Amino acid sequence: MTDVVDSDELLRRMQRARACAERERRAWRTRSSAPDPPGADGTDDAAVRALAYEVVVRVLDEILVPGRHDKDD
């Protein structure tokens, strides 16, 4: 990680990271609502992962568009 990047490249990387986190959040949210076989713990794990990705998206949103969540909180 010794590459020097300009601010535009850093912004693009953060936007890609946010888009990836949003896709993962949606995928895990879908998995958390799917029925599990009895005794399986998959929906709980999926719900936790969806929540984690939601937090990542919110943090990146605040970095990329400051003040976006002020009204929500």
PDB file of N, CA and C in Angstrom:
ATOM      1  N   MET A   1       0.818  -1.187   0.000  1.00  0.00           N
ATOM      2  CA  MET A   1       0.000   0.000   0.000  1.00  0.00           C
ATOM      3  C   MET A   1       0.864   1.254   0.000  1.00  0.00           C
ATOM      4  N   THR A   2       1.841   1.308  -0.839  1.00  0.00           N
ATOM      5  CA  THR A   2       2.666   2.504  -0.922  1.00  0.00           C
ATOM      6  C   THR A   2       2.299   3.361  -2.117  1.00  0.00           C
ATOM      7  N   ASP A   3       1.212   3.010  -2.800  1.00  0.00           N
ATOM      8  CA  ASP A   3       0.773   3.807  -3.938  1.00  0.00           C
ATOM      9  C   ASP A   3       0.262   5.162  -3.470  1.00  0.00           C
ATOM     10  N   VAL A   4       0.646   6.173  -4.193  1.00  0.00           N
ATOM     11  CA  VAL A   4       0.140   7.511  -3.928  1.00  0.00           C
ATOM     12  C   VAL A   4      -1.001   7.749  -4.917  1.00  0.00           C
ATOM     13  N   VAL A   5      -2.164   8.124  -4.383  1.00  0.00           N
ATOM     14  CA  VAL A   5      -3.323   8.360  -5.250  1.00  0.00           C
ATOM     15  C   VAL A   5      -3.823   9.787  -5.038  1.00  0.00           C
ATOM     16  N   ASP A   6      -4.382  10.337  -6.089  1.00  0.00           N
ATOM     17  CA  ASP A   6      -4.931  11.680  -5.963  1.00  0.00           C
ATOM     18  C   ASP A   6      -6.337  11.606  -5.375  1.00  0.00           C
ATOM     19  N   SER A   7      -6.900  12.753  -5.082  1.00  0.00           N
ATOM     20  CA  SER A   7      -8.202  12.802  -4.416  1.00  0.00           C
ATOM     21  C   SER A   7      -9.317  12.222  -5.290  1.00  0.00           C
ATOM     22  N   ASP A   8      -9.229  12.394  -6.597  1.00  0.00           N
ATOM     23  CA  ASP A   8     -10.256  11.829  -7.485  1.00  0.00           C
ATOM     24  C   ASP A   8     -10.248  10.310  -7.437  1.00  0.00           C
ATOM     25  N   GLU A   9      -9.052   9.718  -7.444  1.00  0.00           N
ATOM     26  CA  GLU A   9      -8.952   8.256  -7.370  1.00  0.00           C
ATOM     27  C   GLU A   9      -9.446   7.763  -6.017  1.00  0.00           C
ATOM     28  N   LEU A  10      -9.121   8.468  -4.958  1.00  0.00           N
ATOM     29  CA  LEU A  10      -9.595   8.090  -3.624  1.00  0.00           C
ATOM     30  C   LEU A  10     -11.120   8.138  -3.565  1.00  0.00           C
ATOM     31  N   LEU A  11     -11.709   9.160  -4.145  1.00  0.00           N
ATOM     32  CA  LEU A  11     -13.161   9.286  -4.194  1.00  0.00           C
ATOM     33  C   LEU A  11     -13.778   8.131  -4.983  1.00  0.00           C
ATOM     34  N   ARG A  12     -13.196   7.793  -6.130  1.00  0.00           N
ATOM     35  CA  ARG A  12     -13.705   6.669  -6.922  1.00  0.00           C
ATOM     36  C   ARG A  12     -13.632   5.366  -6.136  1.00  0.00           C
ATOM     37  N   ARG A  13     -12.540   5.158  -5.421  1.00  0.00           N
ATOM     38  CA  ARG A  13     -12.399   3.932  -4.620  1.00  0.00           C
ATOM     39  C   ARG A  13     -13.441   3.860  -3.516  1.00  0.00           C
ATOM     40  N   MET A  14     -13.696   4.981  -2.866  1.00  0.00           N
ATOM     41  CA  MET A  14     -14.717   4.990  -1.812  1.00  0.00           C
ATOM     42  C   MET A  14     -16.112   4.770  -2.393  1.00  0.00           C
ATOM     43  N   GLN A  15     -16.379   5.332  -3.565  1.00  0.00           N
ATOM     44  CA  GLN A  15     -17.673   5.111  -4.207  1.00  0.00           C
ATOM     45  C   GLN A  15     -17.849   3.649  -4.604  1.00  0.00           C
ATOM     46  N   ARG A  16     -16.789   3.025  -5.100  1.00  0.00           N
ATOM     47  CA  ARG A  16     -16.866   1.592  -5.428  1.00  0.00           C
ATOM     48  C   ARG A  16     -17.078   0.764  -4.170  1.00  0.00           C
ATOM     49  N   ALA A  17     -16.393   1.127  -3.103  1.00  0.00           N
ATOM     50  CA  ALA A  17     -16.555   0.411  -1.835  1.00  0.00           C
ATOM     51  C   ALA A  17     -17.982   0.553  -1.314  1.00  0.00           C
ATOM     52  N   ARG A  18     -18.553   1.739  -1.438  1.00  0.00           N
ATOM     53  CA  ARG A  18     -19.929   1.959  -0.994  1.00  0.00           C
ATOM     54  C   ARG A  18     -20.900   1.136  -1.828  1.00  0.00           C
ATOM     55  N   ALA A  19     -20.698   1.112  -3.144  1.00  0.00           N
ATOM     56  CA  ALA A  19     -21.574   0.324  -4.020  1.00  0.00           C
ATOM     57  C   ALA A  19     -21.475  -1.159  -3.690  1.00  0.00           C
ATOM     58  N   CYS A  20     -20.275  -1.636  -3.433  1.00  0.00           N
ATOM     59  CA  CYS A  20     -20.081  -3.042  -3.057  1.00  0.00           C
ATOM     60  C   CYS A  20     -20.778  -3.347  -1.727  1.00  0.00           C
ATOM     61  N   ALA A  21     -20.612  -2.472  -0.747  1.00  0.00           N
ATOM     62  CA  ALA A  21     -21.256  -2.673   0.556  1.00  0.00           C
ATOM     63  C   ALA A  21     -22.772  -2.667   0.422  1.00  0.00           C
ATOM     64  N   GLU A  22     -23.302  -1.818  -0.444  1.00  0.00           N
ATOM     65  CA  GLU A  22     -24.751  -1.775  -0.653  1.00  0.00           C
ATOM     66  C   GLU A  22     -25.251  -3.072  -1.277  1.00  0.00           C
ATOM     67  N   ARG A  23     -24.520  -3.602  -2.244  1.00  0.00           N
ATOM     68  CA  ARG A  23     -24.907  -4.888  -2.850  1.00  0.00           C
ATOM     69  C   ARG A  23     -24.882  -6.008  -1.809  1.00  0.00           C
ATOM     70  N   GLU A  24     -23.843  -6.030  -1.002  1.00  0.00           N
ATOM     71  CA  GLU A  24     -23.739  -7.053   0.037  1.00  0.00           C
ATOM     72  C   GLU A  24     -24.857  -6.899   1.066  1.00  0.00           C
ATOM     73  N   ARG A  25     -25.175  -5.657   1.437  1.00  0.00           N
ATOM     74  CA  ARG A  25     -26.255  -5.413   2.401  1.00  0.00           C
ATOM     75  C   ARG A  25     -27.572  -5.970   1.875  1.00  0.00           C
ATOM     76  N   ARG A  26     -27.865  -5.685   0.604  1.00  0.00           N
ATOM     77  CA  ARG A  26     -29.105  -6.202   0.015  1.00  0.00           C
ATOM     78  C   ARG A  26     -29.113  -7.721  -0.033  1.00  0.00           C
ATOM     79  N   ALA A  27     -27.989  -8.314  -0.416  1.00  0.00           N
ATOM     80  CA  ALA A  27     -27.911  -9.773  -0.510  1.00  0.00           C
ATOM     81  C   ALA A  27     -28.111 -10.424   0.860  1.00  0.00           C
ATOM     82  N   TRP A  28     -27.455  -9.888   1.892  1.00  0.00           N
ATOM     83  CA  TRP A  28     -27.605 -10.471   3.233  1.00  0.00           C
ATOM     84  C   TRP A  28     -28.985 -10.201   3.810  1.00  0.00           C
ATOM     85  N   ARG A  29     -29.580  -9.054   3.481  1.00  0.00           N
ATOM     86  CA  ARG A  29     -30.933  -8.766   3.946  1.00  0.00           C
ATOM     87  C   ARG A  29     -31.907  -9.775   3.346  1.00  0.00           C
ATOM     88  N   THR A  30     -31.716 -10.103   2.068  1.00  0.00           N
ATOM     89  CA  THR A  30     -32.560 -11.102   1.403  1.00  0.00           C
ATOM     90  C   THR A  30     -32.387 -12.464   2.067  1.00  0.00           C
ATOM     91  N   ARG A  31     -31.143 -12.826   2.350  1.00  0.00           N
ATOM     92  CA  ARG A  31     -30.878 -14.117   3.010  1.00  0.00           C
ATOM     93  C   ARG A  31     -31.477 -14.167   4.407  1.00  0.00           C
ATOM     94  N   SER A  32     -31.479 -13.025   5.089  1.00  0.00           N
ATOM     95  CA  SER A  32     -32.003 -13.036   6.463  1.00  0.00           C
ATOM     96  C   SER A  32     -33.509 -13.221   6.489  1.00  0.00           C
ATOM     97  N   SER A  33     -34.186 -12.878   5.392  1.00  0.00           N
ATOM     98  CA  SER A  33     -35.640 -13.037   5.363  1.00  0.00           C
ATOM     99  C   SER A  33     -36.067 -14.381   4.776  1.00  0.00           C
ATOM    100  N   ALA A  34     -35.114 -15.142   4.249  1.00  0.00           N
ATOM    101  CA  ALA A  34     -35.434 -16.463   3.699  1.00  0.00           C
ATOM    102  C   ALA A  34     -35.633 -17.462   4.841  1.00  0.00           C
ATOM    103  N   PRO A  35     -36.593 -18.367   4.693  1.00  0.00           N
ATOM    104  CA  PRO A  35     -36.811 -19.356   5.755  1.00  0.00           C
ATOM    105  C   PRO A  35     -35.643 -20.329   5.848  1.00  0.00           C
ATOM    106  N   ASP A  36     -35.282 -20.653   7.064  1.00  0.00           N
ATOM    107  CA  ASP A  36     -34.211 -21.623   7.333  1.00  0.00           C
ATOM    108  C   ASP A  36     -34.818 -22.948   7.751  1.00  0.00           C
ATOM    109  N   PRO A  37     -34.096 -24.020   7.496  1.00  0.00           N
ATOM    110  CA  PRO A  37     -34.560 -25.307   8.039  1.00  0.00           C
ATOM    111  C   PRO A  37     -34.530 -25.267   9.571  1.00  0.00           C
ATOM    112  N   PRO A  38     -35.350 -26.054  10.216  1.00  0.00           N
ATOM    113  CA  PRO A  38     -35.359 -26.061  11.686  1.00  0.00           C
ATOM    114  C   PRO A  38     -33.966 -26.342  12.249  1.00  0.00           C
ATOM    115  N   GLY A  39     -33.595 -25.597  13.258  1.00  0.00           N
ATOM    116  CA  GLY A  39     -32.310 -25.790  13.913  1.00  0.00           C
ATOM    117  C   GLY A  39     -31.163 -25.038  13.260  1.00  0.00           C
ATOM    118  N   ALA A  40     -31.380 -24.449  12.102  1.00  0.00           N
ATOM    119  CA  ALA A  40     -30.315 -23.698  11.433  1.00  0.00           C
ATOM    120  C   ALA A  40     -30.264 -22.287  12.011  1.00  0.00           C
ATOM    121  N   ASP A  41     -29.077 -21.725  12.015  1.00  0.00           N
ATOM    122  CA  ASP A  41     -28.897 -20.394  12.583  1.00  0.00           C
ATOM    123  C   ASP A  41     -28.544 -19.378  11.502  1.00  0.00           C
ATOM    124  N   GLY A  42     -28.850 -19.691  10.251  1.00  0.00           N
ATOM    125  CA  GLY A  42     -28.451 -18.869   9.127  1.00  0.00           C
ATOM    126  C   GLY A  42     -29.112 -17.516   9.057  1.00  0.00           C
ATOM    127  N   THR A  43     -30.393 -17.434   9.431  1.00  0.00           N
ATOM    128  CA  THR A  43     -31.067 -16.139   9.325  1.00  0.00           C
ATOM    129  C   THR A  43     -30.515 -15.143  10.331  1.00  0.00           C
ATOM    130  N   ASP A  44     -30.164 -15.601  11.527  1.00  0.00           N
ATOM    131  CA  ASP A  44     -29.579 -14.694  12.519  1.00  0.00           C
ATOM    132  C   ASP A  44     -28.232 -14.169  12.035  1.00  0.00           C
ATOM    133  N   ASP A  45     -27.405 -15.059  11.511  1.00  0.00           N
ATOM    134  CA  ASP A  45     -26.101 -14.671  10.988  1.00  0.00           C
ATOM    135  C   ASP A  45     -26.273 -13.698   9.822  1.00  0.00           C
ATOM    136  N   ALA A  46     -27.205 -13.980   8.939  1.00  0.00           N
ATOM    137  CA  ALA A  46     -27.444 -13.111   7.788  1.00  0.00           C
ATOM    138  C   ALA A  46     -27.938 -11.735   8.239  1.00  0.00           C
ATOM    139  N   ALA A  47     -28.773 -11.694   9.250  1.00  0.00           N
ATOM    140  CA  ALA A  47     -29.276 -10.411   9.756  1.00  0.00           C
ATOM    141  C   ALA A  47     -28.137  -9.579  10.352  1.00  0.00           C
ATOM    142  N   VAL A  48     -27.231 -10.217  11.060  1.00  0.00           N
ATOM    143  CA  VAL A  48     -26.087  -9.514  11.642  1.00  0.00           C
ATOM    144  C   VAL A  48     -25.180  -8.976  10.540  1.00  0.00           C
ATOM    145  N   ARG A  49     -24.939  -9.799   9.536  1.00  0.00           N
ATOM    146  CA  ARG A  49     -24.090  -9.350   8.426  1.00  0.00           C
ATOM    147  C   ARG A  49     -24.756  -8.204   7.663  1.00  0.00           C
ATOM    148  N   ALA A  50     -26.058  -8.280   7.455  1.00  0.00           N
ATOM    149  CA  ALA A  50     -26.773  -7.203   6.771  1.00  0.00           C
ATOM    150  C   ALA A  50     -26.649  -5.901   7.562  1.00  0.00           C
ATOM    151  N   LEU A  51     -26.780  -5.987   8.863  1.00  0.00           N
ATOM    152  CA  LEU A  51     -26.650  -4.809   9.715  1.00  0.00           C
ATOM    153  C   LEU A  51     -25.236  -4.239   9.646  1.00  0.00           C
ATOM    154  N   ALA A  52     -24.240  -5.104   9.631  1.00  0.00           N
ATOM    155  CA  ALA A  52     -22.850  -4.643   9.536  1.00  0.00           C
ATOM    156  C   ALA A  52     -22.618  -3.893   8.230  1.00  0.00           C
ATOM    157  N   TYR A  53     -23.113  -4.442   7.121  1.00  0.00           N
ATOM    158  CA  TYR A  53     -22.955  -3.755   5.838  1.00  0.00           C
ATOM    159  C   TYR A  53     -23.753  -2.452   5.800  1.00  0.00           C
ATOM    160  N   GLU A  54     -24.889  -2.408   6.479  1.00  0.00           N
ATOM    161  CA  GLU A  54     -25.669  -1.176   6.544  1.00  0.00           C
ATOM    162  C   GLU A  54     -24.868  -0.077   7.230  1.00  0.00           C
ATOM    163  N   VAL A  55     -24.158  -0.444   8.277  1.00  0.00           N
ATOM    164  CA  VAL A  55     -23.323   0.525   8.987  1.00  0.00           C
ATOM    165  C   VAL A  55     -22.201   1.024   8.078  1.00  0.00           C
ATOM    166  N   VAL A  56     -21.581   0.116   7.336  1.00  0.00           N
ATOM    167  CA  VAL A  56     -20.512   0.511   6.412  1.00  0.00           C
ATOM    168  C   VAL A  56     -21.056   1.483   5.373  1.00  0.00           C
ATOM    169  N   VAL A  57     -22.230   1.193   4.831  1.00  0.00           N
ATOM    170  CA  VAL A  57     -22.833   2.081   3.835  1.00  0.00           C
ATOM    171  C   VAL A  57     -23.089   3.456   4.447  1.00  0.00           C
ATOM    172  N   ARG A  58     -23.615   3.494   5.658  1.00  0.00           N
ATOM    173  CA  ARG A  58     -23.898   4.785   6.304  1.00  0.00           C
ATOM    174  C   ARG A  58     -22.625   5.585   6.558  1.00  0.00           C
ATOM    175  N   VAL A  59     -21.554   4.917   6.962  1.00  0.00           N
ATOM    176  CA  VAL A  59     -20.288   5.610   7.204  1.00  0.00           C
ATOM    177  C   VAL A  59     -19.736   6.171   5.899  1.00  0.00           C
ATOM    178  N   LEU A  60     -19.746   5.351   4.852  1.00  0.00           N
ATOM    179  CA  LEU A  60     -19.247   5.827   3.564  1.00  0.00           C
ATOM    180  C   LEU A  60     -20.135   6.933   3.001  1.00  0.00           C
ATOM    181  N   ASP A  61     -21.437   6.842   3.229  1.00  0.00           N
ATOM    182  CA  ASP A  61     -22.338   7.922   2.817  1.00  0.00           C
ATOM    183  C   ASP A  61     -21.951   9.229   3.499  1.00  0.00           C
ATOM    184  N   GLU A  62     -21.669   9.154   4.780  1.00  0.00           N
ATOM    185  CA  GLU A  62     -21.326  10.363   5.524  1.00  0.00           C
ATOM    186  C   GLU A  62     -19.994  10.944   5.042  1.00  0.00           C
ATOM    187  N   ILE A  63     -19.073  10.102   4.631  1.00  0.00           N
ATOM    188  CA  ILE A  63     -17.798  10.591   4.095  1.00  0.00           C
ATOM    189  C   ILE A  63     -18.019  11.217   2.718  1.00  0.00           C
ATOM    190  N   LEU A  64     -18.798  10.533   1.878  1.00  0.00           N
ATOM    191  CA  LEU A  64     -18.984  10.982   0.502  1.00  0.00           C
ATOM    192  C   LEU A  64     -19.966  12.154   0.386  1.00  0.00           C
ATOM    193  N   VAL A  65     -21.006  12.172   1.220  1.00  0.00           N
ATOM    194  CA  VAL A  65     -22.015  13.238   1.192  1.00  0.00           C
ATOM    195  C   VAL A  65     -22.290  13.653   2.639  1.00  0.00           C
ATOM    196  N   PRO A  66     -21.437  14.504   3.198  1.00  0.00           N
ATOM    197  CA  PRO A  66     -21.605  14.896   4.603  1.00  0.00           C
ATOM    198  C   PRO A  66     -22.984  15.490   4.868  1.00  0.00           C
ATOM    199  N   GLY A  67     -23.559  15.114   6.004  1.00  0.00           N
ATOM    200  CA  GLY A  67     -24.847  15.642   6.422  1.00  0.00           C
ATOM    201  C   GLY A  67     -26.055  14.892   5.888  1.00  0.00           C
ATOM    202  N   ARG A  68     -25.840  13.886   5.084  1.00  0.00           N
ATOM    203  CA  ARG A  68     -26.955  13.148   4.493  1.00  0.00           C
ATOM    204  C   ARG A  68     -27.832  12.514   5.568  1.00  0.00           C
ATOM    205  N   HIS A  69     -27.249  12.015   6.644  1.00  0.00           N
ATOM    206  CA  HIS A  69     -28.010  11.284   7.653  1.00  0.00           C
ATOM    207  C   HIS A  69     -28.424  12.153   8.842  1.00  0.00           C
ATOM    208  N   ASP A  70     -28.113  13.421   8.808  1.00  0.00           N
ATOM    209  CA  ASP A  70     -28.506  14.285   9.919  1.00  0.00           C
ATOM    210  C   ASP A  70     -30.004  14.273  10.149  1.00  0.00           C
ATOM    211  N   LYS A  71     -30.778  14.231   9.095  1.00  0.00           N
ATOM    212  CA  LYS A  71     -32.241  14.253   9.202  1.00  0.00           C
ATOM    213  C   LYS A  71     -32.791  12.921   9.689  1.00  0.00           C
ATOM    214  N   ASP A  72     -32.061  11.814   9.404  1.00  0.00           N
ATOM    215  CA  ASP A  72     -32.543  10.482   9.767  1.00  0.00           C
ATOM    216  C   ASP A  72     -32.345  10.167  11.242  1.00  0.00           C
ATOM    217  N   ASP A  73     -31.349  10.764  11.860  1.00  0.00           N
ATOM    218  CA  ASP A  73     -30.991  10.383  13.232  1.00  0.00           C
ATOM    219  C   ASP A  73     -31.721  11.190  14.262  1.00  0.00           C
TER     220      ASP A  73
END
